Amino acid sequence: MPVTAEDVRDIALALPRAFETETKEATKYKVGRLVFAAVSGDGTRLGFGFPRDERDALIAGEPEKFLLPRASDLRYNWVAARLAELDLVELGELLTEAWCLCVPKFVREAYFAGIDD
């Protein structure tokens, strides 16, 4: 079953220090000033933090699922996915990995150790 923008919200906001903001074009999930995920205004695409040097391999491996971000975001550690192609487990992994790129090391370590922040 494909995931929805609501699934993204539920997973993203369960991560320590994460919060939601709205813009004209997307719903964004942030830690501090850093965006780790964003759902397009039409709810069909997810942008998320991902190592830039691994982006091409991810897209090449599953081009029906993953795609390059818009041109203005190519300089960032960012990639996009079609929500309809993701499952809930994969979504959780992608969002958690993107969140890990934004939080301090001690927050990340506490989260994986099961300690409340």
N, C-alpha and C. Protein backbone atom coordinates (compact mmCIF):
# COMPACT_ATOMS: atom_id res chain seq x y z
N MET A 1 0.84 -1.18 0.00
CA MET A 1 0.00 0.00 0.00
C MET A 1 0.88 1.24 0.00
N PRO A 2 0.63 2.19 -0.91
CA PRO A 2 1.48 3.39 -0.96
C PRO A 2 1.31 4.25 0.28
N VAL A 3 2.33 5.01 0.57
CA VAL A 3 2.30 5.89 1.74
C VAL A 3 1.68 7.23 1.37
N THR A 4 1.30 7.97 2.39
CA THR A 4 0.65 9.27 2.18
C THR A 4 1.43 10.36 2.91
N ALA A 5 1.03 11.59 2.66
CA ALA A 5 1.63 12.72 3.36
C ALA A 5 1.39 12.60 4.87
N GLU A 6 0.27 12.02 5.25
CA GLU A 6 -0.02 11.81 6.68
C GLU A 6 0.97 10.82 7.30
N ASP A 7 1.34 9.79 6.55
CA ASP A 7 2.35 8.84 7.04
C ASP A 7 3.68 9.55 7.25
N VAL A 8 4.04 10.42 6.32
CA VAL A 8 5.28 11.19 6.45
C VAL A 8 5.23 12.01 7.73
N ARG A 9 4.12 12.70 7.94
CA ARG A 9 3.95 13.52 9.14
C ARG A 9 4.10 12.69 10.41
N ASP A 10 3.42 11.57 10.46
CA ASP A 10 3.46 10.73 11.66
C ASP A 10 4.88 10.28 11.99
N ILE A 11 5.61 9.85 10.99
CA ILE A 11 6.97 9.35 11.22
C ILE A 11 7.92 10.51 11.55
N ALA A 12 7.85 11.58 10.75
CA ALA A 12 8.77 12.70 10.94
C ALA A 12 8.61 13.35 12.31
N LEU A 13 7.38 13.56 12.72
CA LEU A 13 7.15 14.26 14.00
C LEU A 13 7.41 13.38 15.21
N ALA A 14 7.58 12.09 15.01
CA ALA A 14 7.94 11.20 16.11
C ALA A 14 9.43 11.25 16.41
N LEU A 15 10.20 11.86 15.54
CA LEU A 15 11.64 11.98 15.74
C LEU A 15 11.96 13.16 16.64
N PRO A 16 12.90 13.00 17.57
CA PRO A 16 13.24 14.07 18.50
C PRO A 16 13.63 15.37 17.79
N ARG A 17 13.13 16.47 18.33
CA ARG A 17 13.43 17.83 17.87
C ARG A 17 12.82 18.18 16.52
N ALA A 18 12.09 17.27 15.90
CA ALA A 18 11.49 17.54 14.59
C ALA A 18 10.22 18.36 14.76
N PHE A 19 10.00 19.27 13.81
CA PHE A 19 8.77 20.04 13.78
C PHE A 19 8.38 20.31 12.34
N GLU A 20 7.14 20.73 12.15
CA GLU A 20 6.56 20.91 10.82
C GLU A 20 6.38 22.39 10.52
N THR A 21 6.65 22.77 9.28
CA THR A 21 6.35 24.12 8.81
C THR A 21 5.64 24.01 7.47
N GLU A 22 4.88 25.03 7.14
CA GLU A 22 4.15 25.07 5.87
C GLU A 22 4.67 26.22 5.03
N THR A 23 4.82 25.95 3.73
CA THR A 23 5.10 27.01 2.77
C THR A 23 4.06 26.89 1.67
N LYS A 24 4.09 27.78 0.71
CA LYS A 24 3.15 27.71 -0.41
C LYS A 24 3.33 26.43 -1.21
N GLU A 25 4.56 25.97 -1.27
CA GLU A 25 4.87 24.83 -2.15
C GLU A 25 5.02 23.49 -1.46
N ALA A 26 5.17 23.46 -0.13
CA ALA A 26 5.44 22.17 0.53
C ALA A 26 5.20 22.23 2.03
N THR A 27 5.05 21.05 2.59
CA THR A 27 5.07 20.87 4.04
C THR A 27 6.46 20.38 4.37
N LYS A 28 7.16 21.09 5.23
CA LYS A 28 8.55 20.77 5.51
C LYS A 28 8.72 20.28 6.94
N TYR A 29 9.64 19.37 7.11
CA TYR A 29 9.98 18.82 8.43
C TYR A 29 11.42 19.21 8.71
N LYS A 30 11.61 19.84 9.87
CA LYS A 30 12.89 20.44 10.19
C LYS A 30 13.39 20.05 11.56
N VAL A 31 14.68 20.24 11.73
CA VAL A 31 15.35 20.22 13.02
C VAL A 31 16.12 21.53 13.05
N GLY A 32 15.74 22.42 13.95
CA GLY A 32 16.35 23.74 13.93
C GLY A 32 16.02 24.42 12.62
N ARG A 33 17.03 24.92 11.94
CA ARG A 33 16.83 25.59 10.65
C ARG A 33 16.98 24.63 9.47
N LEU A 34 17.37 23.39 9.74
CA LEU A 34 17.65 22.43 8.68
C LEU A 34 16.42 21.61 8.32
N VAL A 35 16.13 21.54 7.03
CA VAL A 35 15.02 20.74 6.52
C VAL A 35 15.54 19.33 6.24
N PHE A 36 14.87 18.32 6.79
CA PHE A 36 15.28 16.95 6.49
C PHE A 36 14.28 16.23 5.59
N ALA A 37 13.09 16.78 5.42
CA ALA A 37 12.11 16.19 4.52
C ALA A 37 11.08 17.24 4.13
N ALA A 38 10.47 17.06 2.96
CA ALA A 38 9.42 17.96 2.50
C ALA A 38 8.48 17.20 1.59
N VAL A 39 7.19 17.42 1.78
CA VAL A 39 6.17 16.81 0.94
C VAL A 39 5.63 17.90 0.02
N SER A 40 5.57 17.61 -1.27
CA SER A 40 5.08 18.58 -2.24
C SER A 40 3.64 18.98 -1.92
N GLY A 41 3.26 20.15 -2.39
CA GLY A 41 1.93 20.66 -2.13
C GLY A 41 0.82 19.75 -2.59
N ASP A 42 1.05 18.99 -3.65
CA ASP A 42 0.02 18.06 -4.14
C ASP A 42 0.09 16.69 -3.47
N GLY A 43 1.07 16.52 -2.56
CA GLY A 43 1.17 15.28 -1.79
C GLY A 43 1.66 14.07 -2.56
N THR A 44 2.29 14.29 -3.70
CA THR A 44 2.76 13.15 -4.51
C THR A 44 4.24 12.86 -4.38
N ARG A 45 5.01 13.85 -3.95
CA ARG A 45 6.47 13.68 -3.89
C ARG A 45 7.02 14.02 -2.51
N LEU A 46 8.08 13.32 -2.21
CA LEU A 46 8.81 13.54 -0.97
C LEU A 46 10.23 13.92 -1.32
N GLY A 47 10.70 15.04 -0.81
CA GLY A 47 12.11 15.39 -0.89
C GLY A 47 12.70 15.07 0.47
N PHE A 48 13.93 14.57 0.48
CA PHE A 48 14.53 14.22 1.77
C PHE A 48 16.04 14.28 1.69
N GLY A 49 16.64 14.50 2.85
CA GLY A 49 18.08 14.55 2.94
C GLY A 49 18.69 13.20 2.58
N PHE A 50 19.74 13.25 1.77
CA PHE A 50 20.41 12.03 1.33
C PHE A 50 21.79 12.43 0.84
N PRO A 51 22.82 11.63 1.16
CA PRO A 51 24.17 12.01 0.74
C PRO A 51 24.27 12.24 -0.78
N ARG A 52 24.74 13.41 -1.15
CA ARG A 52 24.83 13.79 -2.56
C ARG A 52 25.68 12.82 -3.37
N ASP A 53 26.75 12.31 -2.76
CA ASP A 53 27.63 11.40 -3.50
C ASP A 53 27.02 10.01 -3.73
N GLU A 54 25.89 9.71 -3.08
CA GLU A 54 25.21 8.43 -3.27
C GLU A 54 23.91 8.58 -4.05
N ARG A 55 23.54 9.79 -4.36
CA ARG A 55 22.26 10.10 -5.00
C ARG A 55 22.10 9.43 -6.36
N ASP A 56 23.09 9.52 -7.22
CA ASP A 56 22.97 8.95 -8.57
C ASP A 56 22.76 7.45 -8.53
N ALA A 57 23.44 6.76 -7.63
CA ALA A 57 23.28 5.31 -7.52
C ALA A 57 21.88 4.95 -7.04
N LEU A 58 21.36 5.71 -6.09
CA LEU A 58 20.00 5.46 -5.60
C LEU A 58 18.99 5.60 -6.74
N ILE A 59 19.10 6.67 -7.49
CA ILE A 59 18.17 6.93 -8.59
C ILE A 59 18.32 5.88 -9.69
N ALA A 60 19.55 5.55 -10.04
CA ALA A 60 19.78 4.55 -11.09
C ALA A 60 19.23 3.18 -10.71
N GLY A 61 19.29 2.86 -9.44
CA GLY A 61 18.83 1.55 -8.97
C GLY A 61 17.32 1.39 -9.02
N GLU A 62 16.58 2.48 -8.81
CA GLU A 62 15.12 2.43 -8.81
C GLU A 62 14.56 3.74 -9.38
N PRO A 63 14.73 3.95 -10.69
CA PRO A 63 14.30 5.22 -11.29
C PRO A 63 12.79 5.46 -11.27
N GLU A 64 12.00 4.40 -11.11
CA GLU A 64 10.55 4.58 -11.01
C GLU A 64 10.16 5.13 -9.64
N LYS A 65 11.04 5.01 -8.68
CA LYS A 65 10.78 5.43 -7.31
C LYS A 65 11.49 6.73 -6.96
N PHE A 66 12.75 6.86 -7.32
CA PHE A 66 13.57 8.01 -6.92
C PHE A 66 13.91 8.87 -8.12
N LEU A 67 14.05 10.17 -7.88
CA LEU A 67 14.39 11.10 -8.94
C LEU A 67 15.21 12.25 -8.38
N LEU A 68 15.85 12.96 -9.28
CA LEU A 68 16.63 14.12 -8.87
C LEU A 68 15.69 15.18 -8.29
N PRO A 69 16.20 15.95 -7.34
CA PRO A 69 15.40 17.08 -6.84
C PRO A 69 15.37 18.17 -7.91
N ARG A 70 14.58 19.19 -7.68
CA ARG A 70 14.56 20.29 -8.64
C ARG A 70 15.96 20.90 -8.75
N ALA A 71 16.21 21.57 -9.85
CA ALA A 71 17.55 22.08 -10.16
C ALA A 71 18.14 22.93 -9.04
N SER A 72 17.32 23.74 -8.38
CA SER A 72 17.83 24.61 -7.32
C SER A 72 18.28 23.84 -6.08
N ASP A 73 17.87 22.58 -5.96
CA ASP A 73 18.25 21.76 -4.80
C ASP A 73 19.38 20.77 -5.10
N LEU A 74 19.89 20.76 -6.31
CA LEU A 74 20.94 19.81 -6.67
C LEU A 74 22.22 20.01 -5.87
N ARG A 75 22.47 21.20 -5.40
CA ARG A 75 23.70 21.46 -4.64
C ARG A 75 23.64 20.92 -3.21
N TYR A 76 22.46 20.54 -2.77
CA TYR A 76 22.27 20.05 -1.40
C TYR A 76 22.31 18.52 -1.34
N ASN A 77 22.43 18.02 -0.13
CA ASN A 77 22.29 16.57 0.11
C ASN A 77 20.79 16.27 0.09
N TRP A 78 20.24 16.10 -1.11
CA TRP A 78 18.79 16.03 -1.27
C TRP A 78 18.45 15.15 -2.46
N VAL A 79 17.37 14.40 -2.33
CA VAL A 79 16.85 13.58 -3.42
C VAL A 79 15.34 13.58 -3.29
N ALA A 80 14.64 13.12 -4.30
CA ALA A 80 13.17 13.09 -4.27
C ALA A 80 12.68 11.68 -4.54
N ALA A 81 11.45 11.42 -4.07
CA ALA A 81 10.82 10.11 -4.29
C ALA A 81 9.34 10.32 -4.58
N ARG A 82 8.80 9.39 -5.33
CA ARG A 82 7.35 9.37 -5.56
C ARG A 82 6.71 8.62 -4.39
N LEU A 83 5.86 9.29 -3.63
CA LEU A 83 5.25 8.66 -2.45
C LEU A 83 4.51 7.38 -2.80
N ALA A 84 3.87 7.34 -3.95
CA ALA A 84 3.09 6.17 -4.34
C ALA A 84 3.95 4.93 -4.52
N GLU A 85 5.24 5.10 -4.67
CA GLU A 85 6.16 3.97 -4.89
C GLU A 85 6.81 3.47 -3.60
N LEU A 86 6.63 4.19 -2.50
CA LEU A 86 7.26 3.81 -1.23
C LEU A 86 6.32 2.99 -0.37
N ASP A 87 6.90 2.12 0.46
CA ASP A 87 6.09 1.46 1.49
C ASP A 87 6.44 2.08 2.84
N LEU A 88 5.67 1.74 3.84
CA LEU A 88 5.81 2.37 5.16
C LEU A 88 7.17 2.10 5.81
N VAL A 89 7.68 0.89 5.68
CA VAL A 89 8.99 0.57 6.26
C VAL A 89 10.09 1.38 5.60
N GLU A 90 10.07 1.42 4.28
CA GLU A 90 11.09 2.18 3.54
C GLU A 90 10.99 3.67 3.87
N LEU A 91 9.78 4.19 3.96
CA LEU A 91 9.58 5.59 4.32
C LEU A 91 10.21 5.89 5.68
N GLY A 92 9.97 5.02 6.65
CA GLY A 92 10.56 5.21 7.98
C GLY A 92 12.07 5.24 7.94
N GLU A 93 12.66 4.35 7.16
CA GLU A 93 14.12 4.31 7.05
C GLU A 93 14.66 5.57 6.38
N LEU A 94 14.01 6.00 5.30
CA LEU A 94 14.48 7.19 4.59
C LEU A 94 14.38 8.45 5.46
N LEU A 95 13.27 8.59 6.15
CA LEU A 95 13.09 9.77 7.01
C LEU A 95 14.05 9.77 8.18
N THR A 96 14.26 8.61 8.78
CA THR A 96 15.19 8.53 9.92
C THR A 96 16.61 8.84 9.48
N GLU A 97 17.02 8.31 8.33
CA GLU A 97 18.36 8.60 7.83
C GLU A 97 18.51 10.08 7.49
N ALA A 98 17.48 10.69 6.91
CA ALA A 98 17.53 12.12 6.59
C ALA A 98 17.61 12.95 7.87
N TRP A 99 16.84 12.57 8.87
CA TRP A 99 16.86 13.25 10.17
C TRP A 99 18.26 13.17 10.79
N CYS A 100 18.90 12.02 10.65
CA CYS A 100 20.25 11.83 11.21
C CYS A 100 21.26 12.82 10.64
N LEU A 101 21.02 13.29 9.42
CA LEU A 101 21.92 14.27 8.81
C LEU A 101 21.79 15.65 9.45
N CYS A 102 20.71 15.87 10.20
CA CYS A 102 20.41 17.21 10.73
C CYS A 102 20.61 17.37 12.23
N VAL A 103 20.55 16.30 12.97
CA VAL A 103 20.61 16.43 14.43
C VAL A 103 22.03 16.29 14.94
N PRO A 104 22.29 16.86 16.11
CA PRO A 104 23.61 16.67 16.72
C PRO A 104 23.85 15.19 17.03
N LYS A 105 25.10 14.82 17.04
CA LYS A 105 25.48 13.43 17.27
C LYS A 105 24.90 12.88 18.57
N PHE A 106 24.91 13.66 19.64
CA PHE A 106 24.42 13.14 20.92
C PHE A 106 22.91 12.87 20.87
N VAL A 107 22.17 13.64 20.08
CA VAL A 107 20.72 13.40 19.94
C VAL A 107 20.49 12.11 19.16
N ARG A 108 21.23 11.95 18.10
CA ARG A 108 21.14 10.73 17.28
C ARG A 108 21.48 9.50 18.10
N GLU A 109 22.58 9.56 18.84
CA GLU A 109 23.00 8.42 19.65
C GLU A 109 21.97 8.10 20.74
N ALA A 110 21.41 9.12 21.37
CA ALA A 110 20.40 8.90 22.40
C ALA A 110 19.15 8.26 21.80
N TYR A 111 18.76 8.70 20.62
CA TYR A 111 17.59 8.14 19.95
C TYR A 111 17.77 6.65 19.69
N PHE A 112 18.91 6.28 19.13
CA PHE A 112 19.14 4.87 18.80
C PHE A 112 19.40 4.02 20.03
N ALA A 113 19.79 4.66 21.14
CA ALA A 113 19.96 3.94 22.39
C ALA A 113 18.65 3.84 23.17
N GLY A 114 17.60 4.51 22.66
CA GLY A 114 16.31 4.47 23.33
C GLY A 114 16.19 5.39 24.52
N ILE A 115 17.03 6.43 24.53
CA ILE A 115 17.02 7.41 25.63
C ILE A 115 16.27 8.64 25.16
N ASP A 116 15.35 9.15 25.98
CA ASP A 116 14.61 10.36 25.62
C ASP A 116 15.54 11.56 25.61
N ASP A 117 15.30 12.44 24.63
CA ASP A 117 16.09 13.67 24.49
C ASP A 117 15.61 14.70 25.47
